[in-house]
């Protein structure tokens, strides 16, 4: 599993971990049944507090992406958020689009950026 955290990122470290795991699932690098490294190992690899990783794993479990089994670790339980409603899925996209518009980007530039990001996301998954 390849995760990184960025001290300059405005998102909390636990959210960076959550988003990173979700990206790995979306790309197909982590599939259902795959076992994640232990909280201790990820914390050591990334140089962050154990509690930060534990919070991220718990949130991923609450969202239905992980099954945490004491003694055997965390296992990917789904490639998709099962109970997330469409509105909840679109809200972060709407926020990002709003930020791009406020930054002066045209609809054409925004559309090109979205298409490029989708292409990159799919390419990363193909390079397994």
N, C-alpha and C. Protein backbone atom coordinates (compact mmCIF):
# COMPACT_ATOMS: atom_id res chain seq x y z
N UNK A 1 0.86 -1.17 0.00
CA UNK A 1 0.00 0.00 0.00
C UNK A 1 0.90 1.23 0.00
N UNK A 2 0.61 2.16 -0.87
CA UNK A 2 1.42 3.36 -0.98
C UNK A 2 0.61 4.58 -0.61
N UNK A 3 0.86 5.12 0.57
CA UNK A 3 0.20 6.33 1.05
C UNK A 3 1.26 7.36 1.40
N UNK A 4 0.90 8.60 1.23
CA UNK A 4 1.77 9.69 1.66
C UNK A 4 0.91 10.73 2.37
N UNK A 5 1.57 11.51 3.22
CA UNK A 5 0.90 12.64 3.85
C UNK A 5 1.74 13.88 3.56
N UNK A 6 1.07 15.00 3.50
CA UNK A 6 1.72 16.26 3.17
C UNK A 6 1.45 17.25 4.30
N UNK A 7 2.51 17.66 4.98
CA UNK A 7 2.37 18.60 6.10
C UNK A 7 1.81 19.94 5.65
N UNK A 8 1.96 20.27 4.37
CA UNK A 8 1.45 21.55 3.85
C UNK A 8 -0.01 21.47 3.40
N UNK A 9 -0.56 20.26 3.36
CA UNK A 9 -1.96 20.07 2.98
C UNK A 9 -2.84 20.60 4.11
N UNK A 10 -3.91 21.29 3.76
CA UNK A 10 -4.81 21.87 4.77
C UNK A 10 -5.69 20.82 5.42
N UNK A 11 -5.82 19.66 4.79
CA UNK A 11 -6.63 18.60 5.38
C UNK A 11 -5.90 17.98 6.56
N UNK A 12 -6.64 17.57 7.59
CA UNK A 12 -5.99 16.87 8.71
C UNK A 12 -5.33 15.59 8.20
N UNK A 13 -4.30 15.13 8.91
CA UNK A 13 -3.58 13.93 8.49
C UNK A 13 -4.50 12.72 8.36
N UNK A 14 -5.43 12.56 9.31
CA UNK A 14 -6.32 11.40 9.22
C UNK A 14 -7.16 11.46 7.95
N UNK A 15 -7.56 12.66 7.52
CA UNK A 15 -8.36 12.80 6.29
C UNK A 15 -7.52 12.50 5.07
N UNK A 16 -6.25 12.86 5.10
CA UNK A 16 -5.35 12.52 4.00
C UNK A 16 -5.23 11.00 3.88
N UNK A 17 -5.16 10.30 5.01
CA UNK A 17 -5.09 8.84 4.99
C UNK A 17 -6.38 8.26 4.42
N UNK A 18 -7.52 8.76 4.90
CA UNK A 18 -8.82 8.30 4.40
C UNK A 18 -8.91 8.49 2.89
N UNK A 19 -8.59 9.69 2.44
CA UNK A 19 -8.67 9.99 1.01
C UNK A 19 -7.70 9.13 0.21
N UNK A 20 -6.52 8.88 0.77
CA UNK A 20 -5.53 8.05 0.08
C UNK A 20 -6.01 6.61 -0.08
N UNK A 21 -6.59 6.05 0.98
CA UNK A 21 -7.10 4.68 0.89
C UNK A 21 -8.25 4.61 -0.11
N UNK A 22 -9.13 5.60 -0.06
CA UNK A 22 -10.25 5.62 -1.02
C UNK A 22 -9.75 5.70 -2.45
N UNK A 23 -8.70 6.49 -2.68
CA UNK A 23 -8.15 6.59 -4.03
C UNK A 23 -7.57 5.25 -4.47
N UNK A 24 -6.87 4.56 -3.56
CA UNK A 24 -6.33 3.24 -3.90
C UNK A 24 -7.45 2.25 -4.23
N UNK A 25 -8.56 2.34 -3.52
CA UNK A 25 -9.71 1.47 -3.82
C UNK A 25 -10.29 1.84 -5.18
N UNK A 26 -10.48 3.14 -5.42
CA UNK A 26 -11.06 3.60 -6.69
C UNK A 26 -10.20 3.19 -7.88
N UNK A 27 -8.89 3.23 -7.71
CA UNK A 27 -7.98 2.86 -8.80
C UNK A 27 -7.91 1.36 -9.02
N UNK A 28 -8.38 0.60 -8.04
CA UNK A 28 -8.30 -0.85 -8.15
C UNK A 28 -7.02 -1.41 -7.56
N UNK A 29 -6.21 -0.57 -6.92
CA UNK A 29 -4.98 -1.04 -6.29
C UNK A 29 -5.27 -1.80 -5.00
N UNK A 30 -6.38 -1.48 -4.36
CA UNK A 30 -6.86 -2.23 -3.19
C UNK A 30 -8.21 -2.81 -3.56
N UNK A 31 -8.34 -4.09 -3.45
CA UNK A 31 -9.59 -4.75 -3.82
C UNK A 31 -10.25 -5.37 -2.59
N UNK A 32 -11.50 -5.71 -2.74
CA UNK A 32 -12.24 -6.33 -1.63
C UNK A 32 -11.49 -7.55 -1.12
N UNK A 33 -11.32 -7.62 0.19
CA UNK A 33 -10.62 -8.74 0.81
C UNK A 33 -9.14 -8.46 1.08
N UNK A 34 -8.61 -7.39 0.50
CA UNK A 34 -7.20 -7.05 0.73
C UNK A 34 -7.01 -6.60 2.18
N UNK A 35 -5.93 -7.04 2.79
CA UNK A 35 -5.63 -6.67 4.16
C UNK A 35 -4.73 -5.44 4.18
N UNK A 36 -5.11 -4.46 4.99
CA UNK A 36 -4.28 -3.27 5.14
C UNK A 36 -3.21 -3.52 6.19
N UNK A 37 -2.09 -2.81 6.09
CA UNK A 37 -1.07 -2.93 7.12
C UNK A 37 -1.63 -2.51 8.48
N UNK A 38 -1.01 -2.95 9.55
CA UNK A 38 -1.47 -2.60 10.88
C UNK A 38 -1.36 -1.10 11.12
N UNK A 39 -2.13 -0.63 12.08
CA UNK A 39 -2.09 0.78 12.46
C UNK A 39 -0.66 1.16 12.83
N UNK A 40 -0.01 0.32 13.59
CA UNK A 40 1.36 0.57 14.03
C UNK A 40 2.32 0.69 12.84
N UNK A 41 2.18 -0.21 11.87
CA UNK A 41 3.07 -0.19 10.71
C UNK A 41 2.85 1.08 9.87
N UNK A 42 1.59 1.44 9.59
CA UNK A 42 1.31 2.63 8.79
C UNK A 42 1.81 3.87 9.51
N UNK A 43 1.56 3.94 10.82
CA UNK A 43 2.02 5.09 11.60
C UNK A 43 3.54 5.21 11.52
N UNK A 44 4.23 4.10 11.64
CA UNK A 44 5.69 4.11 11.55
C UNK A 44 6.18 4.50 10.16
N UNK A 45 5.54 3.95 9.13
CA UNK A 45 5.93 4.25 7.76
C UNK A 45 5.74 5.72 7.41
N UNK A 46 4.66 6.31 7.93
CA UNK A 46 4.34 7.70 7.59
C UNK A 46 4.89 8.69 8.61
N UNK A 47 5.34 8.18 9.75
CA UNK A 47 5.87 9.06 10.78
C UNK A 47 4.79 9.88 11.46
N UNK A 48 3.63 9.25 11.68
CA UNK A 48 2.53 9.95 12.35
C UNK A 48 2.11 9.16 13.58
N UNK A 49 1.30 9.77 14.41
CA UNK A 49 0.82 9.17 15.64
C UNK A 49 -0.10 7.98 15.34
N UNK A 50 -0.01 6.95 16.18
CA UNK A 50 -0.88 5.78 16.03
C UNK A 50 -2.36 6.16 16.02
N UNK A 51 -2.73 7.11 16.87
CA UNK A 51 -4.13 7.51 16.95
C UNK A 51 -4.64 8.10 15.64
N UNK A 52 -3.78 8.77 14.91
CA UNK A 52 -4.16 9.36 13.62
C UNK A 52 -4.60 8.25 12.66
N UNK A 53 -3.83 7.19 12.60
CA UNK A 53 -4.15 6.07 11.71
C UNK A 53 -5.40 5.35 12.22
N UNK A 54 -5.50 5.19 13.53
CA UNK A 54 -6.67 4.52 14.11
C UNK A 54 -7.95 5.29 13.78
N UNK A 55 -7.90 6.60 13.87
CA UNK A 55 -9.07 7.42 13.52
C UNK A 55 -9.43 7.22 12.05
N UNK A 56 -8.44 7.25 11.19
CA UNK A 56 -8.68 7.06 9.75
C UNK A 56 -9.31 5.69 9.48
N UNK A 57 -8.76 4.64 10.09
CA UNK A 57 -9.30 3.30 9.89
C UNK A 57 -10.74 3.22 10.41
N UNK A 58 -11.00 3.83 11.57
CA UNK A 58 -12.37 3.81 12.12
C UNK A 58 -13.35 4.51 11.20
N UNK A 59 -12.95 5.66 10.68
CA UNK A 59 -13.84 6.40 9.76
C UNK A 59 -14.10 5.59 8.50
N UNK A 60 -13.06 4.94 7.97
CA UNK A 60 -13.24 4.10 6.79
C UNK A 60 -14.18 2.93 7.10
N UNK A 61 -14.09 2.42 8.31
CA UNK A 61 -15.01 1.35 8.72
C UNK A 61 -16.44 1.88 8.80
N UNK A 62 -16.61 3.05 9.39
CA UNK A 62 -17.95 3.65 9.50
C UNK A 62 -18.58 3.90 8.14
N UNK A 63 -17.74 4.21 7.16
CA UNK A 63 -18.23 4.48 5.80
C UNK A 63 -18.43 3.21 4.99
N UNK A 64 -18.06 2.06 5.55
CA UNK A 64 -18.28 0.79 4.88
C UNK A 64 -17.16 0.33 3.97
N UNK A 65 -16.00 0.97 4.04
CA UNK A 65 -14.89 0.58 3.19
C UNK A 65 -13.98 -0.46 3.83
N UNK A 66 -13.98 -0.53 5.16
CA UNK A 66 -13.13 -1.47 5.88
C UNK A 66 -13.95 -2.30 6.85
N UNK A 67 -13.48 -3.51 7.07
CA UNK A 67 -13.96 -4.33 8.17
C UNK A 67 -12.76 -4.50 9.09
N UNK A 68 -12.90 -4.11 10.34
CA UNK A 68 -11.79 -4.22 11.29
C UNK A 68 -12.05 -5.42 12.18
N UNK A 69 -11.11 -6.35 12.13
CA UNK A 69 -11.22 -7.56 12.94
C UNK A 69 -10.02 -7.59 13.87
N UNK A 70 -10.31 -7.51 15.15
CA UNK A 70 -9.22 -7.50 16.13
C UNK A 70 -8.43 -8.80 16.03
N UNK A 71 -7.14 -8.66 15.91
CA UNK A 71 -6.27 -9.81 15.79
C UNK A 71 -5.86 -10.10 14.36
N UNK A 72 -6.74 -9.80 13.40
CA UNK A 72 -6.40 -10.07 12.00
C UNK A 72 -6.22 -8.79 11.20
N UNK A 73 -6.63 -7.65 11.73
CA UNK A 73 -6.40 -6.37 11.07
C UNK A 73 -7.59 -5.86 10.28
N UNK A 74 -7.29 -4.89 9.46
CA UNK A 74 -8.31 -4.21 8.65
C UNK A 74 -8.32 -4.79 7.25
N UNK A 75 -9.53 -5.08 6.77
CA UNK A 75 -9.71 -5.70 5.46
C UNK A 75 -10.65 -4.82 4.63
N UNK A 76 -10.30 -4.62 3.36
CA UNK A 76 -11.17 -3.86 2.47
C UNK A 76 -12.47 -4.63 2.31
N UNK A 77 -13.59 -3.96 2.58
CA UNK A 77 -14.86 -4.67 2.55
C UNK A 77 -15.70 -4.32 1.32
N UNK A 78 -15.34 -3.25 0.62
CA UNK A 78 -16.15 -2.88 -0.54
C UNK A 78 -15.38 -1.90 -1.41
N UNK A 79 -15.67 -1.92 -2.68
CA UNK A 79 -15.10 -0.91 -3.58
C UNK A 79 -15.98 0.31 -3.66
N UNK A 80 -17.17 0.24 -3.11
CA UNK A 80 -18.10 1.35 -3.23
C UNK A 80 -18.77 1.63 -1.89
N UNK A 81 -19.05 2.88 -1.69
CA UNK A 81 -19.82 3.26 -0.50
C UNK A 81 -21.25 2.84 -0.74
N UNK A 82 -21.74 1.93 0.04
CA UNK A 82 -23.06 1.36 -0.21
C UNK A 82 -24.19 2.29 0.21
N UNK A 83 -24.02 2.93 1.35
CA UNK A 83 -25.15 3.67 1.90
C UNK A 83 -25.04 5.18 1.71
N UNK A 84 -24.08 5.62 0.93
CA UNK A 84 -23.91 7.05 0.72
C UNK A 84 -24.89 7.51 -0.34
N UNK A 85 -25.64 8.55 -0.02
CA UNK A 85 -26.62 9.08 -0.96
C UNK A 85 -25.94 9.95 -2.01
N UNK A 86 -26.60 10.08 -3.14
CA UNK A 86 -26.07 10.86 -4.26
C UNK A 86 -25.66 12.27 -3.84
N UNK A 87 -26.49 12.93 -3.06
CA UNK A 87 -26.20 14.30 -2.64
C UNK A 87 -24.90 14.36 -1.84
N UNK A 88 -24.70 13.39 -0.96
CA UNK A 88 -23.48 13.36 -0.16
C UNK A 88 -22.25 13.11 -1.04
N UNK A 89 -22.42 12.33 -2.09
CA UNK A 89 -21.31 12.08 -3.01
C UNK A 89 -20.97 13.32 -3.83
N UNK A 90 -21.98 14.09 -4.18
CA UNK A 90 -21.76 15.25 -5.03
C UNK A 90 -21.26 16.49 -4.29
N UNK A 91 -21.47 16.56 -2.99
CA UNK A 91 -21.13 17.76 -2.24
C UNK A 91 -19.64 18.14 -2.37
N UNK A 92 -18.70 17.21 -2.21
CA UNK A 92 -17.30 17.61 -2.38
C UNK A 92 -16.98 18.08 -3.80
N UNK A 93 -17.65 17.48 -4.79
CA UNK A 93 -17.47 17.91 -6.17
C UNK A 93 -17.99 19.33 -6.35
N UNK A 94 -19.15 19.61 -5.80
CA UNK A 94 -19.72 20.95 -5.89
C UNK A 94 -18.80 21.97 -5.24
N UNK A 95 -18.22 21.62 -4.11
CA UNK A 95 -17.30 22.52 -3.41
C UNK A 95 -16.06 22.79 -4.27
N UNK A 96 -15.50 21.74 -4.86
CA UNK A 96 -14.33 21.91 -5.71
C UNK A 96 -14.66 22.76 -6.94
N UNK A 97 -15.80 22.50 -7.55
CA UNK A 97 -16.20 23.28 -8.72
C UNK A 97 -16.40 24.75 -8.35
N UNK A 98 -17.00 25.00 -7.21
CA UNK A 98 -17.18 26.37 -6.74
C UNK A 98 -15.84 27.07 -6.58
N UNK A 99 -14.88 26.37 -6.00
CA UNK A 99 -13.54 26.95 -5.82
C UNK A 99 -12.88 27.26 -7.16
N UNK A 100 -13.05 26.38 -8.12
CA UNK A 100 -12.47 26.62 -9.45
C UNK A 100 -13.12 27.82 -10.12
N UNK A 101 -14.43 27.95 -10.00
CA UNK A 101 -15.13 29.10 -10.58
C UNK A 101 -14.68 30.39 -9.92
N UNK A 102 -14.57 30.36 -8.59
CA UNK A 102 -14.13 31.55 -7.86
C UNK A 102 -12.69 31.92 -8.19
N UNK A 103 -11.91 30.94 -8.62
CA UNK A 103 -10.53 31.19 -9.01
C UNK A 103 -10.43 31.71 -10.44
N UNK A 104 -11.59 31.85 -11.10
CA UNK A 104 -11.61 32.44 -12.43
C UNK A 104 -11.50 31.46 -13.58
N UNK A 105 -11.64 30.17 -13.30
CA UNK A 105 -11.55 29.17 -14.37
C UNK A 105 -12.84 29.16 -15.17
N UNK A 106 -12.71 28.97 -16.48
CA UNK A 106 -13.90 28.88 -17.35
C UNK A 106 -14.47 27.47 -17.26
N UNK A 107 -15.71 27.32 -17.73
CA UNK A 107 -16.34 26.00 -17.76
C UNK A 107 -15.51 25.02 -18.58
N UNK A 108 -14.95 25.51 -19.67
CA UNK A 108 -14.13 24.66 -20.53
C UNK A 108 -12.87 24.20 -19.80
N UNK A 109 -12.22 25.09 -19.08
CA UNK A 109 -11.02 24.73 -18.31
C UNK A 109 -11.35 23.74 -17.20
N UNK A 110 -12.49 23.94 -16.55
CA UNK A 110 -12.90 23.05 -15.46
C UNK A 110 -13.20 21.66 -16.01
N UNK A 111 -13.93 21.62 -17.12
CA UNK A 111 -14.26 20.33 -17.74
C UNK A 111 -12.99 19.59 -18.15
N UNK A 112 -12.04 20.31 -18.73
CA UNK A 112 -10.77 19.70 -19.13
C UNK A 112 -10.02 19.17 -17.92
N UNK A 113 -10.03 19.92 -16.82
CA UNK A 113 -9.34 19.49 -15.61
C UNK A 113 -9.98 18.23 -15.02
N UNK A 114 -11.31 18.18 -15.01
CA UNK A 114 -12.02 17.00 -14.49
C UNK A 114 -11.70 15.78 -15.36
N UNK A 115 -11.76 15.95 -16.67
CA UNK A 115 -11.45 14.84 -17.57
C UNK A 115 -10.02 14.36 -17.39
N UNK A 116 -9.08 15.28 -17.22
CA UNK A 116 -7.68 14.92 -17.01
C UNK A 116 -7.50 14.13 -15.71
N UNK A 117 -8.17 14.58 -14.64
CA UNK A 117 -8.06 13.88 -13.35
C UNK A 117 -8.66 12.48 -13.44
N UNK A 118 -9.79 12.33 -14.12
CA UNK A 118 -10.38 11.01 -14.31
C UNK A 118 -9.44 10.10 -15.09
N UNK A 119 -8.85 10.64 -16.13
CA UNK A 119 -7.91 9.87 -16.95
C UNK A 119 -6.72 9.42 -16.10
N UNK A 120 -6.17 10.32 -15.31
CA UNK A 120 -5.03 9.97 -14.44
C UNK A 120 -5.42 8.91 -13.42
N UNK A 121 -6.60 9.04 -12.86
CA UNK A 121 -7.06 8.07 -11.88
C UNK A 121 -7.19 6.69 -12.51
N UNK A 122 -7.73 6.63 -13.69
CA UNK A 122 -7.88 5.33 -14.37
C UNK A 122 -6.54 4.79 -14.83
N UNK A 123 -5.62 5.65 -15.27
CA UNK A 123 -4.30 5.19 -15.69
C UNK A 123 -3.53 4.58 -14.54
N UNK A 124 -3.61 5.19 -13.36
CA UNK A 124 -2.91 4.67 -12.20
C UNK A 124 -3.40 3.27 -11.88
N UNK A 125 -4.69 3.05 -12.03
CA UNK A 125 -5.26 1.73 -11.77
C UNK A 125 -4.84 0.70 -12.78
N UNK A 126 -4.56 1.14 -14.01
CA UNK A 126 -4.14 0.23 -15.07
C UNK A 126 -2.68 -0.18 -14.96
N UNK A 127 -1.89 0.54 -14.16
CA UNK A 127 -0.45 0.28 -14.10
C UNK A 127 -0.09 -0.72 -13.02
N UNK A 128 -1.05 -1.53 -12.59
CA UNK A 128 -0.81 -2.50 -11.53
C UNK A 128 0.15 -3.53 -11.93
